[in-house]
Amino acid sequence: PTAEESIATLVNIAQLDRPEEVPKIKGLPRIIAESIGRTSEEIYRNSDRGVLADVTKLQEITLACRAAVRAMVDMSTNSEGRVDDVNPFMRDMFSLFSGGSPWKKALDEAGFPNVSEDDMKPLFNYLQGALGLIVKNNELPGLIKALDGEFIEPGPGGDPIRNPDVLPTGKNMHALDPNSIPTKAAADVALIVVDRLLEGLNKQGEYPESIAFTLWGTDNIKTYGESLAQ
């Protein structure tokens, strides 16, 4: 893939908190918001309500996230603008001799100098692993193995943003383990949706007598149980 394609995917992956990981991983917007004494939820909520200062702040955070991820991907980008291999060694050497990670410097330049390097380390280690999965070429080798009647490694399906472990494609895909959903991340997203629903109903001054959910299997596969969590 091109560097731009990899950046677009990783920026989305970096948005989510991943409390199920060890160590726990904070999403990049949360890390940046905490560096200025705010919470990402508050900024998102105020932006949705049209609070101009937070509309602008959210845009600044979004651009800063992209700049930080770009700084990481650039270290593994070749002269043709493509990522064909991941280079953590160069990343670590650069951090050692330059006094800080490239993404920390990118965030400094974007106007967020107080972002915690300790908070970012598990996130960018995770993103580095995700980048390795994004650039791995497994489609044609998997197809050739299938045509030859060879074993195809099984793997989960679903949304690669929520679960990068579905990458690389070319596996013998299965849906999910019903005992593993909803995940903590799906429950967090569902809580926001339900809170907004209740807030809207409260403004109307009347609550419905009942609420129905249509639990499509494919939707819960893609979101790891977000509808169930709602």
Protein backbone atom coordinates (compact mmCIF):
# COMPACT_ATOMS: atom_id res chain seq x y z
CA PRO A 1 0.00 0.00 0.00
CA THR A 2 0.99 3.63 -0.35
CA ALA A 3 2.07 5.60 2.69
CA GLU A 4 -1.10 7.70 2.43
CA GLU A 5 -3.31 4.59 2.44
CA SER A 6 -1.48 3.23 5.49
CA ILE A 7 -1.76 6.57 7.31
CA ALA A 8 -5.52 6.78 6.66
CA THR A 9 -6.06 3.32 8.16
CA LEU A 10 -3.76 3.86 11.15
CA VAL A 11 -5.32 7.24 12.03
CA ASN A 12 -8.67 5.47 12.41
CA ILE A 13 -7.12 2.64 14.43
CA ALA A 14 -5.47 5.21 16.72
CA GLN A 15 -8.83 6.82 17.58
CA LEU A 16 -10.05 4.00 19.82
CA ASP A 17 -9.26 3.20 23.43
CA ARG A 18 -8.27 -0.46 23.84
CA PRO A 19 -8.64 -1.26 27.55
CA GLU A 20 -8.57 -5.00 26.86
CA GLU A 21 -4.93 -4.81 25.76
CA VAL A 22 -2.02 -5.34 28.18
CA PRO A 23 -0.88 -2.70 28.91
CA LYS A 24 -4.10 -0.74 28.37
CA ILE A 25 -4.01 1.56 25.37
CA LYS A 26 -5.50 5.04 25.26
CA GLY A 27 -6.71 6.42 21.95
CA LEU A 28 -4.61 9.25 20.55
CA PRO A 29 -7.41 11.89 20.78
CA ARG A 30 -7.78 11.04 24.48
CA ILE A 31 -4.03 11.32 25.07
CA ILE A 32 -3.90 14.71 23.34
CA ALA A 33 -7.00 16.00 25.15
CA GLU A 34 -5.59 14.98 28.54
CA SER A 35 -2.39 16.89 27.76
CA ILE A 36 -4.42 20.12 27.76
CA GLY A 37 -6.47 19.21 30.83
CA ARG A 38 -9.58 18.12 28.91
CA THR A 39 -11.35 14.86 28.09
CA SER A 40 -11.98 13.71 24.55
CA GLU A 41 -15.63 13.00 25.42
CA GLU A 42 -16.16 16.60 26.49
CA ILE A 43 -14.58 17.98 23.32
CA TYR A 44 -16.61 15.64 21.08
CA ARG A 45 -19.82 16.48 22.93
CA ASN A 46 -19.28 20.23 22.76
CA SER A 47 -18.30 20.00 19.09
CA ASP A 48 -21.55 18.16 18.34
CA ARG A 49 -23.44 20.94 20.14
CA GLY A 50 -21.76 23.57 17.98
CA VAL A 51 -19.48 25.10 20.62
CA LEU A 52 -17.13 26.94 18.25
CA ALA A 53 -14.03 26.73 20.45
CA ASP A 54 -14.30 22.96 20.68
CA VAL A 55 -15.19 22.56 17.00
CA THR A 56 -11.84 24.24 16.31
CA LYS A 57 -10.07 22.25 19.03
CA LEU A 58 -11.36 18.96 17.62
CA GLN A 59 -10.07 19.92 14.19
CA GLU A 60 -6.67 20.71 15.70
CA ILE A 61 -6.61 17.34 17.49
CA THR A 62 -7.61 15.52 14.30
CA LEU A 63 -4.79 17.17 12.33
CA ALA A 64 -2.33 16.48 15.15
CA CYS A 65 -3.28 12.78 15.16
CA ARG A 66 -2.63 12.58 11.45
CA ALA A 67 0.72 14.34 11.80
CA ALA A 68 1.85 11.97 14.56
CA VAL A 69 0.86 8.85 12.61
CA ARG A 70 2.52 10.23 9.47
CA ALA A 71 5.76 10.69 11.42
CA MET A 72 5.70 6.99 12.29
CA VAL A 73 4.82 5.77 8.79
CA ASP A 74 7.45 8.00 7.18
CA MET A 75 10.16 5.97 8.90
CA SER A 76 9.08 2.88 6.92
CA THR A 77 8.28 4.59 3.59
CA ASN A 78 10.47 3.95 0.57
CA SER A 79 11.49 6.39 -2.18
CA GLU A 80 8.37 5.52 -4.18
CA GLY A 81 6.04 6.56 -1.36
CA ARG A 82 5.10 2.99 -0.42
CA VAL A 83 5.43 1.02 2.78
CA ASP A 84 6.95 -2.35 1.91
CA ASP A 85 8.48 -3.15 5.30
CA VAL A 86 8.20 -1.89 8.88
CA ASN A 87 11.38 -0.57 10.44
CA PRO A 88 11.16 -0.39 14.26
CA PHE A 89 14.95 -0.47 14.55
CA MET A 90 15.29 2.89 12.79
CA ARG A 91 12.49 4.27 14.95
CA ASP A 92 14.24 3.26 18.17
CA MET A 93 17.62 4.55 17.00
CA PHE A 94 16.09 7.86 15.96
CA SER A 95 14.44 8.28 19.36
CA LEU A 96 17.67 7.42 21.17
CA PHE A 97 19.87 9.94 19.35
CA SER A 98 17.37 12.73 18.75
CA GLY A 99 15.93 12.96 22.26
CA GLY A 100 12.36 11.94 21.53
CA SER A 101 10.09 9.98 19.24
CA PRO A 102 9.14 11.42 15.83
CA TRP A 103 5.44 11.41 16.78
CA LYS A 104 6.14 13.34 19.98
CA LYS A 105 7.96 15.96 17.93
CA ALA A 106 5.09 16.05 15.43
CA LEU A 107 2.63 16.73 18.25
CA ASP A 108 4.93 19.44 19.65
CA GLU A 109 4.88 21.15 16.25
CA ALA A 110 1.08 20.76 16.06
CA GLY A 111 0.70 22.75 19.29
CA PHE A 112 0.48 19.96 21.88
CA PRO A 113 3.88 19.96 23.63
CA ASN A 114 2.71 18.33 26.88
CA VAL A 115 1.57 14.98 25.47
CA SER A 116 2.81 12.09 27.59
CA GLU A 117 5.43 9.92 25.90
CA ASP A 118 4.59 7.16 28.40
CA ASP A 119 0.95 7.15 27.28
CA MET A 120 1.95 7.13 23.62
CA LYS A 121 4.46 4.28 23.84
CA PRO A 122 1.95 1.36 24.08
CA LEU A 123 -0.26 3.00 21.45
CA PHE A 124 2.51 3.44 18.89
CA ASN A 125 3.89 -0.03 19.58
CA TYR A 126 0.38 -1.27 18.76
CA LEU A 127 0.21 0.89 15.63
CA GLN A 128 3.62 -0.39 14.54
CA GLY A 129 2.29 -3.95 14.74
CA ALA A 130 -0.86 -2.93 12.87
CA LEU A 131 1.25 -1.33 10.13
CA GLY A 132 3.11 -4.61 9.71
CA LEU A 133 -0.22 -6.38 9.18
CA ILE A 134 -1.47 -3.72 6.76
CA VAL A 135 1.53 -4.07 4.44
CA LYS A 136 1.74 -7.85 4.59
CA ASN A 137 0.91 -9.43 1.22
CA ASN A 138 -1.25 -12.46 1.93
CA GLU A 139 -3.96 -12.31 -0.73
CA LEU A 140 -2.25 -14.02 -3.66
CA PRO A 141 -0.26 -16.50 -1.52
CA GLY A 142 -3.52 -17.49 0.21
CA LEU A 143 -5.29 -17.90 -3.12
CA ILE A 144 -2.49 -20.06 -4.53
CA LYS A 145 -2.51 -22.25 -1.42
CA ALA A 146 -6.28 -22.69 -1.72
CA LEU A 147 -6.00 -23.68 -5.38
CA ASP A 148 -3.29 -26.18 -4.46
CA GLY A 149 -5.48 -27.65 -1.72
CA GLU A 150 -3.10 -26.56 1.03
CA PHE A 151 -3.92 -25.43 4.57
CA ILE A 152 -5.15 -21.82 4.89
CA GLU A 153 -4.57 -20.22 8.26
CA PRO A 154 -7.91 -19.34 9.90
CA GLY A 155 -8.56 -15.86 11.23
CA PRO A 156 -11.39 -13.66 12.46
CA GLY A 157 -13.44 -11.42 10.24
CA GLY A 158 -14.80 -8.01 11.14
CA ASP A 159 -13.75 -4.39 11.09
CA PRO A 160 -9.94 -3.94 10.91
CA ILE A 161 -10.25 -0.54 12.60
CA ARG A 162 -11.81 -2.04 15.71
CA ASN A 163 -9.70 -5.19 15.54
CA PRO A 164 -6.50 -5.03 13.46
CA ASP A 165 -5.99 -8.73 14.17
CA VAL A 166 -8.34 -9.44 11.25
CA LEU A 167 -5.44 -8.34 9.03
CA PRO A 168 -3.85 -9.38 6.79
CA THR A 169 -6.58 -10.51 4.44
CA GLY A 170 -6.23 -13.83 2.68
CA LYS A 171 -7.04 -15.98 5.70
CA ASN A 172 -9.70 -18.65 6.06
CA MET A 173 -12.10 -16.19 7.69
CA HIS A 174 -14.52 -17.06 10.46
CA ALA A 175 -17.01 -14.71 12.10
CA LEU A 176 -16.47 -14.39 15.85
CA ASP A 177 -16.61 -16.04 19.24
CA PRO A 178 -20.08 -15.22 20.68
CA ASN A 179 -18.65 -15.43 24.20
CA SER A 180 -16.24 -12.57 23.47
CA ILE A 181 -18.82 -9.91 22.59
CA PRO A 182 -19.64 -7.20 23.29
CA THR A 183 -16.09 -5.99 23.79
CA LYS A 184 -15.25 -3.14 26.14
CA ALA A 185 -14.66 -0.83 23.17
CA ALA A 186 -18.07 -1.74 21.69
CA ALA A 187 -19.74 -1.10 25.06
CA ASP A 188 -18.07 2.32 25.32
CA VAL A 189 -19.32 3.34 21.87
CA ALA A 190 -22.79 1.98 22.64
CA LEU A 191 -22.95 4.02 25.84
CA ILE A 192 -22.37 7.23 23.89
CA VAL A 193 -25.12 6.32 21.41
CA VAL A 194 -27.61 5.49 24.14
CA ASP A 195 -26.77 8.62 26.14
CA ARG A 196 -27.43 10.75 23.06
CA LEU A 197 -30.71 8.92 22.44
CA LEU A 198 -31.85 9.52 26.02
CA GLU A 199 -30.77 13.15 25.84
CA GLY A 200 -32.85 13.67 22.71
CA LEU A 201 -35.88 11.96 24.26
CA ASN A 202 -35.52 14.06 27.39
CA LYS A 203 -35.69 17.23 25.30
CA GLN A 204 -38.96 15.96 23.79
CA GLY A 205 -40.30 15.51 27.32
CA GLU A 206 -41.61 12.03 26.67
CA TYR A 207 -40.04 8.58 26.73
CA PRO A 208 -41.26 5.68 24.57
CA GLU A 209 -43.11 2.82 26.21
CA SER A 210 -40.78 0.32 24.57
CA ILE A 211 -37.69 0.22 22.34
CA ALA A 212 -36.91 -2.48 19.77
CA PHE A 213 -33.49 -3.42 18.42
CA THR A 214 -32.88 -5.41 15.26
CA LEU A 215 -29.82 -7.53 16.00
CA TRP A 216 -28.40 -8.30 12.58
CA GLY A 217 -25.61 -10.86 12.75
CA THR A 218 -23.37 -9.05 10.26
CA ASP A 219 -23.63 -5.74 12.16
CA ASN A 220 -22.56 -7.38 15.41
CA ILE A 221 -19.73 -9.18 13.63
CA LYS A 222 -18.41 -5.89 12.21
CA THR A 223 -18.78 -3.92 15.46
CA TYR A 224 -17.96 -6.72 17.93
CA GLY A 225 -21.34 -6.51 19.62
CA GLU A 226 -22.09 -2.79 19.62
CA SER A 227 -25.80 -3.40 18.97
CA LEU A 228 -25.90 -5.97 21.76
CA ALA A 229 -24.22 -3.49 24.09
CA GLN A 230 -26.81 -0.85 23.31
